[in-house]
């Protein structure tokens, strides 16, 4: 991809754990790429997603954003085991 294409969708628009939003913004990530904007609503709702996009478009970031949100949001549940 020669140029980064971002959407109007911001990470802060999602109901993400505040630490996830803070970490993203600290690293300069404010707006989603198209694959992130499409995948995050589904993954945050607990749905499985199979997405295909060019290398460097943020697929891994979408996966990790959802993963860290889940882990931080369910911290007490996970440590009680």
PDB file of N, CA and C in Angstrom:
ATOM      1  N   UNK A   1       0.841  -1.165   0.000  1.00  0.00           N
ATOM      2  CA  UNK A   1       0.000   0.000   0.000  1.00  0.00           C
ATOM      3  C   UNK A   1       0.891   1.233   0.000  1.00  0.00           C
ATOM      4  N   UNK A   2       0.760   2.070  -0.974  1.00  0.00           N
ATOM      5  CA  UNK A   2       1.640   3.223  -1.075  1.00  0.00           C
ATOM      6  C   UNK A   2       1.231   4.356  -0.151  1.00  0.00           C
ATOM      7  N   UNK A   3      -0.033   4.448   0.196  1.00  0.00           N
ATOM      8  CA  UNK A   3      -0.535   5.530   1.036  1.00  0.00           C
ATOM      9  C   UNK A   3      -1.494   4.949   2.065  1.00  0.00           C
ATOM     10  N   UNK A   4      -1.382   5.440   3.288  1.00  0.00           N
ATOM     11  CA  UNK A   4      -2.284   4.965   4.333  1.00  0.00           C
ATOM     12  C   UNK A   4      -3.669   5.541   4.097  1.00  0.00           C
ATOM     13  N   UNK A   5      -4.658   4.692   4.077  1.00  0.00           N
ATOM     14  CA  UNK A   5      -6.035   5.122   3.901  1.00  0.00           C
ATOM     15  C   UNK A   5      -6.760   4.924   5.218  1.00  0.00           C
ATOM     16  N   UNK A   6      -7.265   6.005   5.761  1.00  0.00           N
ATOM     17  CA  UNK A   6      -7.987   5.940   7.024  1.00  0.00           C
ATOM     18  C   UNK A   6      -9.439   6.307   6.808  1.00  0.00           C
ATOM     19  N   UNK A   7     -10.285   5.820   7.693  1.00  0.00           N
ATOM     20  CA  UNK A   7     -11.706   6.145   7.644  1.00  0.00           C
ATOM     21  C   UNK A   7     -11.989   7.269   8.636  1.00  0.00           C
ATOM     22  N   UNK A   8     -13.218   7.715   8.665  1.00  0.00           N
ATOM     23  CA  UNK A   8     -13.647   8.713   9.648  1.00  0.00           C
ATOM     24  C   UNK A   8     -13.893   8.060  11.005  1.00  0.00           C
ATOM     25  N   UNK A   9     -13.968   6.728  11.034  1.00  0.00           N
ATOM     26  CA  UNK A   9     -14.219   5.980  12.275  1.00  0.00           C
ATOM     27  C   UNK A   9     -13.017   6.092  13.196  1.00  0.00           C
ATOM     28  N   UNK A  10     -13.229   6.542  14.407  1.00  0.00           N
ATOM     29  CA  UNK A  10     -12.154   6.665  15.393  1.00  0.00           C
ATOM     30  C   UNK A  10     -12.207   5.497  16.372  1.00  0.00           C
ATOM     31  N   UNK A  11     -11.053   5.082  16.860  1.00  0.00           N
ATOM     32  CA  UNK A  11     -11.013   4.026  17.869  1.00  0.00           C
ATOM     33  C   UNK A  11     -11.807   4.445  19.102  1.00  0.00           C
ATOM     34  N   UNK A  12     -11.765   5.726  19.429  1.00  0.00           N
ATOM     35  CA  UNK A  12     -12.475   6.224  20.612  1.00  0.00           C
ATOM     36  C   UNK A  12     -13.993   6.179  20.449  1.00  0.00           C
ATOM     37  N   UNK A  13     -14.484   5.975  19.230  1.00  0.00           N
ATOM     38  CA  UNK A  13     -15.933   5.845  18.995  1.00  0.00           C
ATOM     39  C   UNK A  13     -16.463   4.500  19.477  1.00  0.00           C
ATOM     40  N   UNK A  14     -15.580   3.514  19.592  1.00  0.00           N
ATOM     41  CA  UNK A  14     -15.989   2.188  20.050  1.00  0.00           C
ATOM     42  C   UNK A  14     -15.991   2.155  21.572  1.00  0.00           C
ATOM     43  N   UNK A  15     -16.748   1.246  22.133  1.00  0.00           N
ATOM     44  CA  UNK A  15     -16.807   1.089  23.591  1.00  0.00           C
ATOM     45  C   UNK A  15     -15.621   0.244  24.057  1.00  0.00           C
ATOM     46  N   UNK A  16     -14.428   0.754  23.812  1.00  0.00           N
ATOM     47  CA  UNK A  16     -13.202   0.051  24.186  1.00  0.00           C
ATOM     48  C   UNK A  16     -12.810   0.399  25.617  1.00  0.00           C
ATOM     49  N   UNK A  17     -12.098  -0.520  26.254  1.00  0.00           N
ATOM     50  CA  UNK A  17     -11.550  -0.250  27.582  1.00  0.00           C
ATOM     51  C   UNK A  17     -10.685   1.016  27.480  1.00  0.00           C
ATOM     52  N   UNK A  18     -10.804   1.919  28.449  1.00  0.00           N
ATOM     53  CA  UNK A  18     -10.048   3.182  28.388  1.00  0.00           C
ATOM     54  C   UNK A  18      -8.537   3.004  28.223  1.00  0.00           C
ATOM     55  N   UNK A  19      -7.969   1.952  28.792  1.00  0.00           N
ATOM     56  CA  UNK A  19      -6.527   1.725  28.650  1.00  0.00           C
ATOM     57  C   UNK A  19      -6.154   1.380  27.210  1.00  0.00           C
ATOM     58  N   UNK A  20      -7.055   0.723  26.498  1.00  0.00           N
ATOM     59  CA  UNK A  20      -6.795   0.387  25.092  1.00  0.00           C
ATOM     60  C   UNK A  20      -6.788   1.662  24.258  1.00  0.00           C
ATOM     61  N   UNK A  21      -7.788   2.513  24.463  1.00  0.00           N
ATOM     62  CA  UNK A  21      -7.857   3.777  23.721  1.00  0.00           C
ATOM     63  C   UNK A  21      -6.638   4.640  24.043  1.00  0.00           C
ATOM     64  N   UNK A  22      -6.277   4.704  25.312  1.00  0.00           N
ATOM     65  CA  UNK A  22      -5.117   5.498  25.731  1.00  0.00           C
ATOM     66  C   UNK A  22      -3.841   4.998  25.057  1.00  0.00           C
ATOM     67  N   UNK A  23      -3.649   3.693  25.022  1.00  0.00           N
ATOM     68  CA  UNK A  23      -2.454   3.116  24.393  1.00  0.00           C
ATOM     69  C   UNK A  23      -2.419   3.410  22.896  1.00  0.00           C
ATOM     70  N   UNK A  24      -3.555   3.257  22.230  1.00  0.00           N
ATOM     71  CA  UNK A  24      -3.613   3.537  20.793  1.00  0.00           C
ATOM     72  C   UNK A  24      -3.268   4.996  20.515  1.00  0.00           C
ATOM     73  N   UNK A  25      -3.872   5.903  21.286  1.00  0.00           N
ATOM     74  CA  UNK A  25      -3.643   7.327  21.062  1.00  0.00           C
ATOM     75  C   UNK A  25      -2.215   7.734  21.418  1.00  0.00           C
ATOM     76  N   UNK A  26      -1.636   7.098  22.436  1.00  0.00           N
ATOM     77  CA  UNK A  26      -0.245   7.377  22.802  1.00  0.00           C
ATOM     78  C   UNK A  26       0.689   7.059  21.638  1.00  0.00           C
ATOM     79  N   UNK A  27       0.349   6.034  20.882  1.00  0.00           N
ATOM     80  CA  UNK A  27       1.162   5.633  19.728  1.00  0.00           C
ATOM     81  C   UNK A  27       0.730   6.325  18.429  1.00  0.00           C
ATOM     82  N   UNK A  28      -0.249   7.234  18.518  1.00  0.00           N
ATOM     83  CA  UNK A  28      -0.648   8.010  17.347  1.00  0.00           C
ATOM     84  C   UNK A  28      -1.730   7.395  16.490  1.00  0.00           C
ATOM     85  N   UNK A  29      -2.433   6.398  17.014  1.00  0.00           N
ATOM     86  CA  UNK A  29      -3.517   5.768  16.267  1.00  0.00           C
ATOM     87  C   UNK A  29      -4.849   6.352  16.729  1.00  0.00           C
ATOM     88  N   UNK A  30      -5.494   7.109  15.862  1.00  0.00           N
ATOM     89  CA  UNK A  30      -6.778   7.724  16.187  1.00  0.00           C
ATOM     90  C   UNK A  30      -7.896   7.184  15.303  1.00  0.00           C
ATOM     91  N   UNK A  31      -7.643   7.127  13.995  1.00  0.00           N
ATOM     92  CA  UNK A  31      -8.647   6.682  13.032  1.00  0.00           C
ATOM     93  C   UNK A  31      -8.367   5.262  12.563  1.00  0.00           C
ATOM     94  N   UNK A  32      -9.439   4.536  12.277  1.00  0.00           N
ATOM     95  CA  UNK A  32      -9.349   3.150  11.810  1.00  0.00           C
ATOM     96  C   UNK A  32      -9.098   3.090  10.310  1.00  0.00           C
ATOM     97  N   UNK A  33      -8.470   2.016   9.898  1.00  0.00           N
ATOM     98  CA  UNK A  33      -8.401   1.695   8.481  1.00  0.00           C
ATOM     99  C   UNK A  33      -9.729   1.014   8.126  1.00  0.00           C
ATOM    100  N   UNK A  34     -10.031   0.841   6.848  1.00  0.00           N
ATOM    101  CA  UNK A  34     -11.300   0.199   6.484  1.00  0.00           C
ATOM    102  C   UNK A  34     -11.500  -1.186   7.108  1.00  0.00           C
ATOM    103  N   UNK A  35     -10.468  -2.033   7.120  1.00  0.00           N
ATOM    104  CA  UNK A  35     -10.634  -3.379   7.686  1.00  0.00           C
ATOM    105  C   UNK A  35     -10.890  -3.300   9.187  1.00  0.00           C
ATOM    106  N   UNK A  36     -10.263  -2.358   9.867  1.00  0.00           N
ATOM    107  CA  UNK A  36     -10.487  -2.186  11.304  1.00  0.00           C
ATOM    108  C   UNK A  36     -11.901  -1.690  11.578  1.00  0.00           C
ATOM    109  N   UNK A  37     -12.351  -0.730  10.802  1.00  0.00           N
ATOM    110  CA  UNK A  37     -13.692  -0.173  10.990  1.00  0.00           C
ATOM    111  C   UNK A  37     -14.774  -1.226  10.759  1.00  0.00           C
ATOM    112  N   UNK A  38     -14.521  -2.163   9.867  1.00  0.00           N
ATOM    113  CA  UNK A  38     -15.491  -3.228   9.599  1.00  0.00           C
ATOM    114  C   UNK A  38     -15.406  -4.367  10.611  1.00  0.00           C
ATOM    115  N   UNK A  39     -14.195  -4.709  11.033  1.00  0.00           N
ATOM    116  CA  UNK A  39     -14.009  -5.870  11.909  1.00  0.00           C
ATOM    117  C   UNK A  39     -14.290  -5.580  13.380  1.00  0.00           C
ATOM    118  N   UNK A  40     -13.902  -4.421  13.872  1.00  0.00           N
ATOM    119  CA  UNK A  40     -14.017  -4.151  15.306  1.00  0.00           C
ATOM    120  C   UNK A  40     -15.434  -4.264  15.867  1.00  0.00           C
ATOM    121  N   UNK A  41     -16.456  -3.745  15.206  1.00  0.00           N
ATOM    122  CA  UNK A  41     -17.800  -3.913  15.783  1.00  0.00           C
ATOM    123  C   UNK A  41     -18.179  -5.385  15.962  1.00  0.00           C
ATOM    124  N   UNK A  42     -17.745  -6.226  15.056  1.00  0.00           N
ATOM    125  CA  UNK A  42     -18.056  -7.652  15.133  1.00  0.00           C
ATOM    126  C   UNK A  42     -17.245  -8.346  16.217  1.00  0.00           C
ATOM    127  N   UNK A  43     -15.937  -8.100  16.238  1.00  0.00           N
ATOM    128  CA  UNK A  43     -15.094  -8.773  17.222  1.00  0.00           C
ATOM    129  C   UNK A  43     -15.391  -8.302  18.638  1.00  0.00           C
ATOM    130  N   UNK A  44     -15.722  -7.034  18.800  1.00  0.00           N
ATOM    131  CA  UNK A  44     -16.069  -6.524  20.130  1.00  0.00           C
ATOM    132  C   UNK A  44     -17.391  -7.105  20.621  1.00  0.00           C
ATOM    133  N   UNK A  45     -18.222  -7.547  19.693  1.00  0.00           N
ATOM    134  CA  UNK A  45     -19.489  -8.198  20.051  1.00  0.00           C
ATOM    135  C   UNK A  45     -19.305  -9.700  20.257  1.00  0.00           C
ATOM    136  N   UNK A  46     -18.057 -10.171  20.171  1.00  0.00           N
ATOM    137  CA  UNK A  46     -17.782 -11.582  20.402  1.00  0.00           C
ATOM    138  C   UNK A  46     -17.923 -12.467  19.184  1.00  0.00           C
ATOM    139  N   UNK A  47     -18.043 -11.866  18.026  1.00  0.00           N
ATOM    140  CA  UNK A  47     -18.197 -12.636  16.793  1.00  0.00           C
ATOM    141  C   UNK A  47     -16.839 -12.987  16.208  1.00  0.00           C
ATOM    142  N   UNK A  48     -16.787 -14.084  15.479  1.00  0.00           N
ATOM    143  CA  UNK A  48     -15.589 -14.466  14.740  1.00  0.00           C
ATOM    144  C   UNK A  48     -15.591 -13.734  13.406  1.00  0.00           C
ATOM    145  N   UNK A  49     -14.413 -13.377  12.942  1.00  0.00           N
ATOM    146  CA  UNK A  49     -14.294 -12.638  11.687  1.00  0.00           C
ATOM    147  C   UNK A  49     -13.195 -13.266  10.840  1.00  0.00           C
ATOM    148  N   UNK A  50     -13.472 -13.428   9.569  1.00  0.00           N
ATOM    149  CA  UNK A  50     -12.456 -13.811   8.595  1.00  0.00           C
ATOM    150  C   UNK A  50     -12.363 -12.653   7.614  1.00  0.00           C
ATOM    151  N   UNK A  51     -11.250 -11.948   7.656  1.00  0.00           N
ATOM    152  CA  UNK A  51     -11.095 -10.777   6.797  1.00  0.00           C
ATOM    153  C   UNK A  51      -9.877 -10.918   5.905  1.00  0.00           C
ATOM    154  N   UNK A  52      -9.957 -10.296   4.754  1.00  0.00           N
ATOM    155  CA  UNK A  52      -8.846 -10.322   3.812  1.00  0.00           C
ATOM    156  C   UNK A  52      -8.563  -8.891   3.388  1.00  0.00           C
ATOM    157  N   UNK A  53      -7.323  -8.481   3.566  1.00  0.00           N
ATOM    158  CA  UNK A  53      -6.904  -7.145   3.157  1.00  0.00           C
ATOM    159  C   UNK A  53      -5.405  -7.181   2.909  1.00  0.00           C
ATOM    160  N   UNK A  54      -4.933  -6.192   2.196  1.00  0.00           N
ATOM    161  CA  UNK A  54      -3.520  -6.108   1.842  1.00  0.00           C
ATOM    162  C   UNK A  54      -2.654  -6.004   3.101  1.00  0.00           C
ATOM    163  N   UNK A  55      -1.422  -6.458   2.992  1.00  0.00           N
ATOM    164  CA  UNK A  55      -0.457  -6.351   4.082  1.00  0.00           C
ATOM    165  C   UNK A  55      -0.308  -4.886   4.492  1.00  0.00           C
ATOM    166  N   UNK A  56      -0.292  -4.662   5.804  1.00  0.00           N
ATOM    167  CA  UNK A  56      -0.093  -3.312   6.313  1.00  0.00           C
ATOM    168  C   UNK A  56      -1.353  -2.500   6.502  1.00  0.00           C
ATOM    169  N   UNK A  57      -2.510  -3.151   6.406  1.00  0.00           N
ATOM    170  CA  UNK A  57      -3.771  -2.412   6.521  1.00  0.00           C
ATOM    171  C   UNK A  57      -4.363  -2.436   7.923  1.00  0.00           C
ATOM    172  N   UNK A  58      -3.734  -3.155   8.850  1.00  0.00           N
ATOM    173  CA  UNK A  58      -4.188  -3.113  10.232  1.00  0.00           C
ATOM    174  C   UNK A  58      -4.995  -4.294  10.714  1.00  0.00           C
ATOM    175  N   UNK A  59      -4.900  -5.420  10.030  1.00  0.00           N
ATOM    176  CA  UNK A  59      -5.650  -6.606  10.469  1.00  0.00           C
ATOM    177  C   UNK A  59      -5.195  -7.059  11.852  1.00  0.00           C
ATOM    178  N   UNK A  60      -3.893  -7.116  12.056  1.00  0.00           N
ATOM    179  CA  UNK A  60      -3.367  -7.549  13.352  1.00  0.00           C
ATOM    180  C   UNK A  60      -3.739  -6.555  14.443  1.00  0.00           C
ATOM    181  N   UNK A  61      -3.701  -5.270  14.134  1.00  0.00           N
ATOM    182  CA  UNK A  61      -4.091  -4.245  15.113  1.00  0.00           C
ATOM    183  C   UNK A  61      -5.553  -4.425  15.517  1.00  0.00           C
ATOM    184  N   UNK A  62      -6.423  -4.748  14.579  1.00  0.00           N
ATOM    185  CA  UNK A  62      -7.837  -4.978  14.904  1.00  0.00           C
ATOM    186  C   UNK A  62      -7.974  -6.183  15.834  1.00  0.00           C
ATOM    187  N   UNK A  63      -7.249  -7.247  15.531  1.00  0.00           N
ATOM    188  CA  UNK A  63      -7.284  -8.447  16.369  1.00  0.00           C
ATOM    189  C   UNK A  63      -6.786  -8.137  17.778  1.00  0.00           C
ATOM    190  N   UNK A  64      -5.642  -7.462  17.879  1.00  0.00           N
ATOM    191  CA  UNK A  64      -5.065  -7.169  19.190  1.00  0.00           C
ATOM    192  C   UNK A  64      -5.891  -6.158  19.976  1.00  0.00           C
ATOM    193  N   UNK A  65      -6.495  -5.204  19.291  1.00  0.00           N
ATOM    194  CA  UNK A  65      -7.354  -4.229  19.972  1.00  0.00           C
ATOM    195  C   UNK A  65      -8.506  -4.949  20.655  1.00  0.00           C
ATOM    196  N   UNK A  66      -9.151  -5.852  19.949  1.00  0.00           N
ATOM    197  CA  UNK A  66     -10.254  -6.628  20.529  1.00  0.00           C
ATOM    198  C   UNK A  66      -9.773  -7.542  21.643  1.00  0.00           C
ATOM    199  N   UNK A  67      -8.618  -8.153  21.443  1.00  0.00           N
ATOM    200  CA  UNK A  67      -8.074  -9.071  22.445  1.00  0.00           C
ATOM    201  C   UNK A  67      -7.743  -8.345  23.743  1.00  0.00           C
ATOM    202  N   UNK A  68      -7.025  -7.224  23.648  1.00  0.00           N
ATOM    203  CA  UNK A  68      -6.670  -6.478  24.858  1.00  0.00           C
ATOM    204  C   UNK A  68      -7.904  -5.892  25.532  1.00  0.00           C
ATOM    205  N   UNK A  69      -8.875  -5.462  24.740  1.00  0.00           N
ATOM    206  CA  UNK A  69     -10.129  -4.971  25.320  1.00  0.00           C
ATOM    207  C   UNK A  69     -10.789  -6.077  26.145  1.00  0.00           C
ATOM    208  N   UNK A  70     -10.865  -7.262  25.591  1.00  0.00           N
ATOM    209  CA  UNK A  70     -11.489  -8.385  26.298  1.00  0.00           C
ATOM    210  C   UNK A  70     -10.725  -8.719  27.579  1.00  0.00           C
ATOM    211  N   UNK A  71      -9.410  -8.828  27.482  1.00  0.00           N
ATOM    212  CA  UNK A  71      -8.603  -9.195  28.649  1.00  0.00           C
ATOM    213  C   UNK A  71      -8.715  -8.158  29.764  1.00  0.00           C
ATOM    214  N   UNK A  72      -8.672  -6.887  29.421  1.00  0.00           N
ATOM    215  CA  UNK A  72      -8.783  -5.839  30.434  1.00  0.00           C
ATOM    216  C   UNK A  72     -10.191  -5.751  31.010  1.00  0.00           C
ATOM    217  N   UNK A  73     -11.188  -5.991  30.184  1.00  0.00           N
ATOM    218  CA  UNK A  73     -12.580  -5.900  30.632  1.00  0.00           C
ATOM    219  C   UNK A  73     -13.003  -7.087  31.477  1.00  0.00           C
ATOM    220  N   UNK A  74     -12.325  -8.209  31.314  1.00  0.00           N
ATOM    221  CA  UNK A  74     -12.677  -9.430  32.044  1.00  0.00           C
ATOM    222  C   UNK A  74     -11.566  -9.846  33.004  1.00  0.00           C
ATOM    223  N   UNK A  75     -10.774  -8.899  33.429  1.00  0.00           N
ATOM    224  CA  UNK A  75      -9.615  -9.165  34.284  1.00  0.00           C
ATOM    225  C   UNK A  75      -9.995  -9.944  35.540  1.00  0.00           C
ATOM    226  N   UNK A  76     -11.039  -9.528  36.246  1.00  0.00           N
ATOM    227  CA  UNK A  76     -11.442 -10.208  37.482  1.00  0.00           C
ATOM    228  C   UNK A  76     -11.924 -11.620  37.206  1.00  0.00           C
ATOM    229  N   UNK A  77     -12.642 -11.793  36.132  1.00  0.00           N
ATOM    230  CA  UNK A  77     -13.122 -13.117  35.754  1.00  0.00           C
ATOM    231  C   UNK A  77     -11.955 -14.057  35.483  1.00  0.00           C
ATOM    232  N   UNK A  78     -10.946 -13.547  34.788  1.00  0.00           N
ATOM    233  CA  UNK A  78      -9.809 -14.373  34.388  1.00  0.00           C
ATOM    234  C   UNK A  78      -8.885 -14.693  35.559  1.00  0.00           C
ATOM    235  N   UNK A  79      -8.742 -13.780  36.512  1.00  0.00           N
ATOM    236  CA  UNK A  79      -7.847 -14.025  37.644  1.00  0.00           C
ATOM    237  C   UNK A  79      -8.512 -14.840  38.743  1.00  0.00           C
ATOM    238  N   UNK A  80      -9.825 -14.981  38.711  1.00  0.00           N
ATOM    239  CA  UNK A  80     -10.549 -15.737  39.738  1.00  0.00           C
ATOM    240  C   UNK A  80     -10.412 -17.243  39.546  1.00  0.00           C
ATOM    241  N   UNK A  81      -9.930 -17.655  38.417  1.00  0.00           N
ATOM    242  CA  UNK A  81      -9.835 -19.092  38.107  1.00  0.00           C
ATOM    243  C   UNK A  81      -8.733 -19.760  38.828  1.00  0.00           C
TER     244      UNK A  81
END
